[in-house]
PDB file of all heavy atoms in Angstrom:
ATOM      1  N   ALA A   1      -1.281   2.734 -19.199  1.00  0.00           N
ATOM      2  CA  ALA A   1      -2.320   2.904 -20.185  1.00  0.00           C
ATOM      3  C   ALA A   1      -3.329   4.045 -19.853  1.00  0.00           C
ATOM      4  O   ALA A   1      -3.672   4.700 -20.713  1.00  0.00           O
ATOM      5  CB  ALA A   1      -3.071   1.540 -20.298  1.00  0.00           C
ATOM      6  N   LEU A   2      -3.662   4.089 -18.544  1.00  0.00           N
ATOM      7  CA  LEU A   2      -4.428   5.254 -18.141  1.00  0.00           C
ATOM      8  C   LEU A   2      -3.769   6.619 -18.337  1.00  0.00           C
ATOM      9  O   LEU A   2      -4.451   7.567 -18.710  1.00  0.00           O
ATOM     10  CB  LEU A   2      -4.871   5.046 -16.668  1.00  0.00           C
ATOM     11  CG  LEU A   2      -5.936   3.970 -16.393  1.00  0.00           C
ATOM     12  CD1 LEU A   2      -6.066   3.870 -14.907  1.00  0.00           C
ATOM     13  CD2 LEU A   2      -7.228   4.210 -17.145  1.00  0.00           C
ATOM     14  N   ALA A   3      -2.486   6.645 -18.105  1.00  0.00           N
ATOM     15  CA  ALA A   3      -1.769   7.907 -18.273  1.00  0.00           C
ATOM     16  C   ALA A   3      -1.688   8.227 -19.748  1.00  0.00           C
ATOM     17  O   ALA A   3      -1.782   9.518 -20.082  1.00  0.00           O
ATOM     18  CB  ALA A   3      -0.371   7.868 -17.736  1.00  0.00           C
ATOM     19  N   VAL A   4      -1.571   7.353 -20.687  1.00  0.00           N
ATOM     20  CA  VAL A   4      -1.649   7.601 -22.115  1.00  0.00           C
ATOM     21  C   VAL A   4      -2.963   8.072 -22.532  1.00  0.00           C
ATOM     22  O   VAL A   4      -3.130   8.991 -23.306  1.00  0.00           O
ATOM     23  CB  VAL A   4      -1.148   6.496 -22.840  1.00  0.00           C
ATOM     24  CG1 VAL A   4      -1.400   6.601 -24.326  1.00  0.00           C
ATOM     25  CG2 VAL A   4       0.297   6.113 -22.619  1.00  0.00           C
ATOM     26  N   GLU A   5      -4.086   7.477 -21.917  1.00  0.00           N
ATOM     27  CA  GLU A   5      -5.414   7.814 -22.214  1.00  0.00           C
ATOM     28  C   GLU A   5      -5.739   9.189 -21.692  1.00  0.00           C
ATOM     29  O   GLU A   5      -6.432   9.986 -22.364  1.00  0.00           O
ATOM     30  CB  GLU A   5      -6.461   6.769 -21.825  1.00  0.00           C
ATOM     31  CG  GLU A   5      -7.919   7.089 -22.040  1.00  0.00           C
ATOM     32  CD  GLU A   5      -8.769   6.019 -21.452  1.00  0.00           C
ATOM     33  OE1 GLU A   5      -8.273   5.024 -20.815  1.00  0.00           O
ATOM     34  OE2 GLU A   5      -9.992   6.215 -21.573  1.00  0.00           O
ATOM     35  N   ARG A   6      -5.387   9.545 -20.537  1.00  0.00           N
ATOM     36  CA  ARG A   6      -5.583  10.782 -19.796  1.00  0.00           C
ATOM     37  C   ARG A   6      -4.259  11.422 -19.699  1.00  0.00           C
ATOM     38  O   ARG A   6      -3.640  11.422 -18.552  1.00  0.00           O
ATOM     39  CB  ARG A   6      -6.259  10.458 -18.446  1.00  0.00           C
ATOM     40  CG  ARG A   6      -7.386   9.603 -18.619  1.00  0.00           C
ATOM     41  CD  ARG A   6      -8.714  10.389 -18.994  1.00  0.00           C
ATOM     42  NE  ARG A   6      -9.880   9.628 -18.852  1.00  0.00           N
ATOM     43  CZ  ARG A   6     -11.111  10.060 -18.894  1.00  0.00           C
ATOM     44  NH1 ARG A   6     -11.319  11.319 -19.085  1.00  0.00           N
ATOM     45  NH2 ARG A   6     -12.146   9.282 -18.957  1.00  0.00           N
ATOM     46  N   ARG A   7      -3.773  12.097 -20.601  1.00  0.00           N
ATOM     47  CA  ARG A   7      -2.455  12.666 -20.593  1.00  0.00           C
ATOM     48  C   ARG A   7      -2.228  13.767 -19.582  1.00  0.00           C
ATOM     49  O   ARG A   7      -1.117  14.026 -19.150  1.00  0.00           O
ATOM     50  CB  ARG A   7      -2.108  13.197 -22.045  1.00  0.00           C
ATOM     51  CG  ARG A   7      -1.944  12.128 -23.047  1.00  0.00           C
ATOM     52  CD  ARG A   7      -1.742  12.755 -24.426  1.00  0.00           C
ATOM     53  NE  ARG A   7      -0.466  13.503 -24.505  1.00  0.00           N
ATOM     54  CZ  ARG A   7      -0.031  14.087 -25.448  1.00  0.00           C
ATOM     55  NH1 ARG A   7      -0.709  14.118 -26.570  1.00  0.00           N
ATOM     56  NH2 ARG A   7       1.150  14.864 -25.328  1.00  0.00           N
ATOM     57  N   ARG A   8      -3.354  14.503 -19.356  1.00  0.00           N
ATOM     58  CA  ARG A   8      -3.242  15.595 -18.392  1.00  0.00           C
ATOM     59  C   ARG A   8      -3.694  15.251 -16.968  1.00  0.00           C
ATOM     60  O   ARG A   8      -3.895  16.253 -16.097  1.00  0.00           O
ATOM     61  CB  ARG A   8      -4.049  16.814 -18.988  1.00  0.00           C
ATOM     62  CG  ARG A   8      -3.568  17.285 -20.185  1.00  0.00           C
ATOM     63  CD  ARG A   8      -2.106  17.701 -20.269  1.00  0.00           C
ATOM     64  NE  ARG A   8      -1.782  18.746 -19.333  1.00  0.00           N
ATOM     65  CZ  ARG A   8      -0.578  19.203 -19.035  1.00  0.00           C
ATOM     66  NH1 ARG A   8       0.406  18.645 -19.701  1.00  0.00           N
ATOM     67  NH2 ARG A   8      -0.394  20.098 -18.198  1.00  0.00           N
ATOM     68  N   PHE A   9      -3.855  13.990 -16.668  1.00  0.00           N
ATOM     69  CA  PHE A   9      -4.274  13.612 -15.277  1.00  0.00           C
ATOM     70  C   PHE A   9      -2.986  13.312 -14.510  1.00  0.00           C
ATOM     71  O   PHE A   9      -2.113  12.718 -14.893  1.00  0.00           O
ATOM     72  CB  PHE A   9      -5.111  12.321 -15.340  1.00  0.00           C
ATOM     73  CG  PHE A   9      -6.583  12.598 -15.589  1.00  0.00           C
ATOM     74  CD1 PHE A   9      -6.965  13.770 -16.189  1.00  0.00           C
ATOM     75  CD2 PHE A   9      -7.556  11.595 -15.311  1.00  0.00           C
ATOM     76  CE1 PHE A   9      -8.330  14.058 -16.444  1.00  0.00           C
ATOM     77  CE2 PHE A   9      -8.864  11.789 -15.571  1.00  0.00           C
ATOM     78  CZ  PHE A   9      -9.277  13.075 -16.145  1.00  0.00           C
ATOM     79  N   GLY A  10      -3.101  13.794 -13.192  1.00  0.00           N
ATOM     80  CA  GLY A  10      -2.003  13.437 -12.275  1.00  0.00           C
ATOM     81  C   GLY A  10      -2.323  12.081 -11.568  1.00  0.00           C
ATOM     82  O   GLY A  10      -3.247  11.425 -11.834  1.00  0.00           O
ATOM     83  N   TYR A  11      -1.478  11.821 -10.575  1.00  0.00           N
ATOM     84  CA  TYR A  11      -1.580  10.533  -9.898  1.00  0.00           C
ATOM     85  C   TYR A  11      -2.815  10.438  -9.030  1.00  0.00           C
ATOM     86  O   TYR A  11      -3.298   9.306  -8.852  1.00  0.00           O
ATOM     87  CB  TYR A  11      -0.339  10.279  -9.026  1.00  0.00           C
ATOM     88  CG  TYR A  11      -0.294  11.045  -7.751  1.00  0.00           C
ATOM     89  CD1 TYR A  11      -0.698  10.410  -6.518  1.00  0.00           C
ATOM     90  CD2 TYR A  11       0.191  12.415  -7.618  1.00  0.00           C
ATOM     91  CE1 TYR A  11      -0.633  11.075  -5.346  1.00  0.00           C
ATOM     92  CE2 TYR A  11       0.273  12.958  -6.419  1.00  0.00           C
ATOM     93  CZ  TYR A  11      -0.224  12.366  -5.315  1.00  0.00           C
ATOM     94  OH  TYR A  11      -0.148  12.993  -4.127  1.00  0.00           O
ATOM     95  N   ARG A  12      -3.335  11.522  -8.547  1.00  0.00           N
ATOM     96  CA  ARG A  12      -4.537  11.473  -7.717  1.00  0.00           C
ATOM     97  C   ARG A  12      -5.766  11.006  -8.552  1.00  0.00           C
ATOM     98  O   ARG A  12      -6.461  10.166  -8.125  1.00  0.00           O
ATOM     99  CB  ARG A  12      -4.804  12.916  -7.084  1.00  0.00           C
ATOM    100  CG  ARG A  12      -3.788  13.223  -6.065  1.00  0.00           C
ATOM    101  CD  ARG A  12      -4.154  14.631  -5.485  1.00  0.00           C
ATOM    102  NE  ARG A  12      -3.154  15.035  -4.449  1.00  0.00           N
ATOM    103  CZ  ARG A  12      -2.186  15.794  -4.755  1.00  0.00           C
ATOM    104  NH1 ARG A  12      -1.899  16.115  -5.943  1.00  0.00           N
ATOM    105  NH2 ARG A  12      -1.281  16.121  -3.727  1.00  0.00           N
ATOM    106  N   ARG A  13      -5.962  11.587  -9.673  1.00  0.00           N
ATOM    107  CA  ARG A  13      -7.145  11.180 -10.540  1.00  0.00           C
ATOM    108  C   ARG A  13      -6.914   9.785 -11.125  1.00  0.00           C
ATOM    109  O   ARG A  13      -7.807   9.027 -11.197  1.00  0.00           O
ATOM    110  CB  ARG A  13      -7.276  12.191 -11.612  1.00  0.00           C
ATOM    111  CG  ARG A  13      -7.937  13.510 -11.148  1.00  0.00           C
ATOM    112  CD  ARG A  13      -8.387  14.294 -12.326  1.00  0.00           C
ATOM    113  NE  ARG A  13      -9.176  15.444 -11.857  1.00  0.00           N
ATOM    114  CZ  ARG A  13      -8.620  16.693 -11.581  1.00  0.00           C
ATOM    115  NH1 ARG A  13      -7.412  16.941 -11.739  1.00  0.00           N
ATOM    116  NH2 ARG A  13      -9.345  17.711 -11.130  1.00  0.00           N
ATOM    117  N   LEU A  14      -5.613   9.518 -11.461  1.00  0.00           N
ATOM    118  CA  LEU A  14      -5.352   8.088 -11.889  1.00  0.00           C
ATOM    119  C   LEU A  14      -5.619   7.141 -10.803  1.00  0.00           C
ATOM    120  O   LEU A  14      -6.045   5.986 -10.941  1.00  0.00           O
ATOM    121  CB  LEU A  14      -3.847   8.026 -12.376  1.00  0.00           C
ATOM    122  CG  LEU A  14      -3.566   8.759 -13.612  1.00  0.00           C
ATOM    123  CD1 LEU A  14      -2.099   8.587 -13.929  1.00  0.00           C
ATOM    124  CD2 LEU A  14      -4.387   8.441 -14.766  1.00  0.00           C
ATOM    125  N   PHE A  15      -5.307   7.429  -9.567  1.00  0.00           N
ATOM    126  CA  PHE A  15      -5.611   6.625  -8.388  1.00  0.00           C
ATOM    127  C   PHE A  15      -7.072   6.379  -8.241  1.00  0.00           C
ATOM    128  O   PHE A  15      -7.558   5.254  -7.974  1.00  0.00           O
ATOM    129  CB  PHE A  15      -4.994   7.203  -7.116  1.00  0.00           C
ATOM    130  CG  PHE A  15      -5.652   6.588  -5.947  1.00  0.00           C
ATOM    131  CD1 PHE A  15      -5.241   5.321  -5.488  1.00  0.00           C
ATOM    132  CD2 PHE A  15      -6.468   7.327  -5.115  1.00  0.00           C
ATOM    133  CE1 PHE A  15      -5.735   4.769  -4.293  1.00  0.00           C
ATOM    134  CE2 PHE A  15      -6.984   6.820  -3.966  1.00  0.00           C
ATOM    135  CZ  PHE A  15      -6.657   5.575  -3.567  1.00  0.00           C
ATOM    136  N   VAL A  16      -7.925   7.481  -8.450  1.00  0.00           N
ATOM    137  CA  VAL A  16      -9.397   7.282  -8.397  1.00  0.00           C
ATOM    138  C   VAL A  16      -9.835   6.323  -9.496  1.00  0.00           C
ATOM    139  O   VAL A  16     -10.723   5.456  -9.172  1.00  0.00           O
ATOM    140  CB  VAL A  16     -10.060   8.683  -8.436  1.00  0.00           C
ATOM    141  CG1 VAL A  16     -11.534   8.509  -8.557  1.00  0.00           C
ATOM    142  CG2 VAL A  16      -9.751   9.510  -7.236  1.00  0.00           C
ATOM    143  N   LEU A  17      -9.354   6.471 -10.677  1.00  0.00           N
ATOM    144  CA  LEU A  17      -9.771   5.608 -11.838  1.00  0.00           C
ATOM    145  C   LEU A  17      -9.403   4.161 -11.557  1.00  0.00           C
ATOM    146  O   LEU A  17     -10.153   3.261 -11.811  1.00  0.00           O
ATOM    147  CB  LEU A  17      -9.161   6.102 -13.059  1.00  0.00           C
ATOM    148  CG  LEU A  17      -9.583   7.427 -13.643  1.00  0.00           C
ATOM    149  CD1 LEU A  17      -8.889   7.806 -14.865  1.00  0.00           C
ATOM    150  CD2 LEU A  17     -11.095   7.560 -13.734  1.00  0.00           C
ATOM    151  N   LEU A  18      -8.236   3.939 -10.998  1.00  0.00           N
ATOM    152  CA  LEU A  18      -7.825   2.560 -10.570  1.00  0.00           C
ATOM    153  C   LEU A  18      -8.644   2.010  -9.459  1.00  0.00           C
ATOM    154  O   LEU A  18      -8.992   0.753  -9.491  1.00  0.00           O
ATOM    155  CB  LEU A  18      -6.340   2.526 -10.194  1.00  0.00           C
ATOM    156  CG  LEU A  18      -5.255   2.723 -11.370  1.00  0.00           C
ATOM    157  CD1 LEU A  18      -3.848   2.838 -10.780  1.00  0.00           C
ATOM    158  CD2 LEU A  18      -5.344   1.634 -12.264  1.00  0.00           C
ATOM    159  N   ARG A  19      -9.028   2.863  -8.456  1.00  0.00           N
ATOM    160  CA  ARG A  19      -9.862   2.322  -7.394  1.00  0.00           C
ATOM    161  C   ARG A  19     -11.279   1.962  -7.911  1.00  0.00           C
ATOM    162  O   ARG A  19     -11.870   1.010  -7.351  1.00  0.00           O
ATOM    163  CB  ARG A  19      -9.901   3.429  -6.245  1.00  0.00           C
ATOM    164  CG  ARG A  19     -10.741   3.063  -5.085  1.00  0.00           C
ATOM    165  CD  ARG A  19     -10.282   1.777  -4.485  1.00  0.00           C
ATOM    166  NE  ARG A  19      -8.884   1.976  -4.023  1.00  0.00           N
ATOM    167  CZ  ARG A  19      -8.562   2.400  -2.709  1.00  0.00           C
ATOM    168  NH1 ARG A  19      -9.512   2.706  -1.905  1.00  0.00           N
ATOM    169  NH2 ARG A  19      -7.324   2.407  -2.420  1.00  0.00           N
ATOM    170  N   ARG A  20     -11.714   2.729  -8.876  1.00  0.00           N
ATOM    171  CA  ARG A  20     -13.056   2.356  -9.530  1.00  0.00           C
ATOM    172  C   ARG A  20     -12.941   0.967 -10.177  1.00  0.00           C
ATOM    173  O   ARG A  20     -13.940   0.237 -10.202  1.00  0.00           O
ATOM    174  CB  ARG A  20     -13.462   3.317 -10.512  1.00  0.00           C
ATOM    175  CG  ARG A  20     -13.874   4.656  -9.960  1.00  0.00           C
ATOM    176  CD  ARG A  20     -14.217   5.634 -11.124  1.00  0.00           C
ATOM    177  NE  ARG A  20     -14.537   6.926 -10.625  1.00  0.00           N
ATOM    178  CZ  ARG A  20     -14.775   8.034 -11.414  1.00  0.00           C
ATOM    179  NH1 ARG A  20     -14.674   7.829 -12.796  1.00  0.00           N
ATOM    180  NH2 ARG A  20     -14.954   9.156 -10.936  1.00  0.00           N
ATOM    181  N   GLU A  21     -11.816   0.556 -10.694  1.00  0.00           N
ATOM    182  CA  GLU A  21     -11.630  -0.707 -11.366  1.00  0.00           C
ATOM    183  C   GLU A  21     -11.378  -1.828 -10.387  1.00  0.00           C
ATOM    184  O   GLU A  21     -11.174  -2.998 -10.788  1.00  0.00           O
ATOM    185  CB  GLU A  21     -10.485  -0.673 -12.359  1.00  0.00           C
ATOM    186  CG  GLU A  21     -10.696   0.247 -13.485  1.00  0.00           C
ATOM    187  CD  GLU A  21      -9.551   0.467 -14.444  1.00  0.00           C
ATOM    188  OE1 GLU A  21      -8.503  -0.279 -14.129  1.00  0.00           O
ATOM    189  OE2 GLU A  21      -9.636   1.206 -15.405  1.00  0.00           O
ATOM    190  N   GLY A  22     -11.308  -1.448  -9.117  1.00  0.00           N
ATOM    191  CA  GLY A  22     -11.069  -2.511  -7.960  1.00  0.00           C
ATOM    192  C   GLY A  22      -9.659  -2.713  -7.599  1.00  0.00           C
ATOM    193  O   GLY A  22      -9.367  -3.644  -6.898  1.00  0.00           O
ATOM    194  N   GLU A  23      -8.768  -1.863  -7.920  1.00  0.00           N
ATOM    195  CA  GLU A  23      -7.402  -1.915  -7.471  1.00  0.00           C
ATOM    196  C   GLU A  23      -7.268  -1.620  -5.978  1.00  0.00           C
ATOM    197  O   GLU A  23      -7.667  -0.522  -5.567  1.00  0.00           O
ATOM    198  CB  GLU A  23      -6.535  -0.956  -8.280  1.00  0.00           C
ATOM    199  CG  GLU A  23      -5.073  -0.939  -7.817  1.00  0.00           C
ATOM    200  CD  GLU A  23      -4.367  -2.241  -7.937  1.00  0.00           C
ATOM    201  OE1 GLU A  23      -4.684  -2.970  -8.889  1.00  0.00           O
ATOM    202  OE2 GLU A  23      -3.649  -2.510  -6.977  1.00  0.00           O
ATOM    203  N   PRO A  24      -6.811  -2.457  -5.138  1.00  0.00           N
ATOM    204  CA  PRO A  24      -6.758  -2.163  -3.739  1.00  0.00           C
ATOM    205  C   PRO A  24      -5.566  -1.460  -3.234  1.00  0.00           C
ATOM    206  O   PRO A  24      -5.533  -1.117  -2.048  1.00  0.00           O
ATOM    207  CB  PRO A  24      -6.744  -3.611  -3.109  1.00  0.00           C
ATOM    208  CG  PRO A  24      -5.931  -4.398  -4.105  1.00  0.00           C
ATOM    209  CD  PRO A  24      -6.355  -3.917  -5.510  1.00  0.00           C
TER     210      PRO A  24
END
């Protein structure tokens, strides 16, 4: 879902967004 929302984001920025949501 995050990759669809942020189509030009790589795994590093997606990891930061998941960490903000509390993903350990």
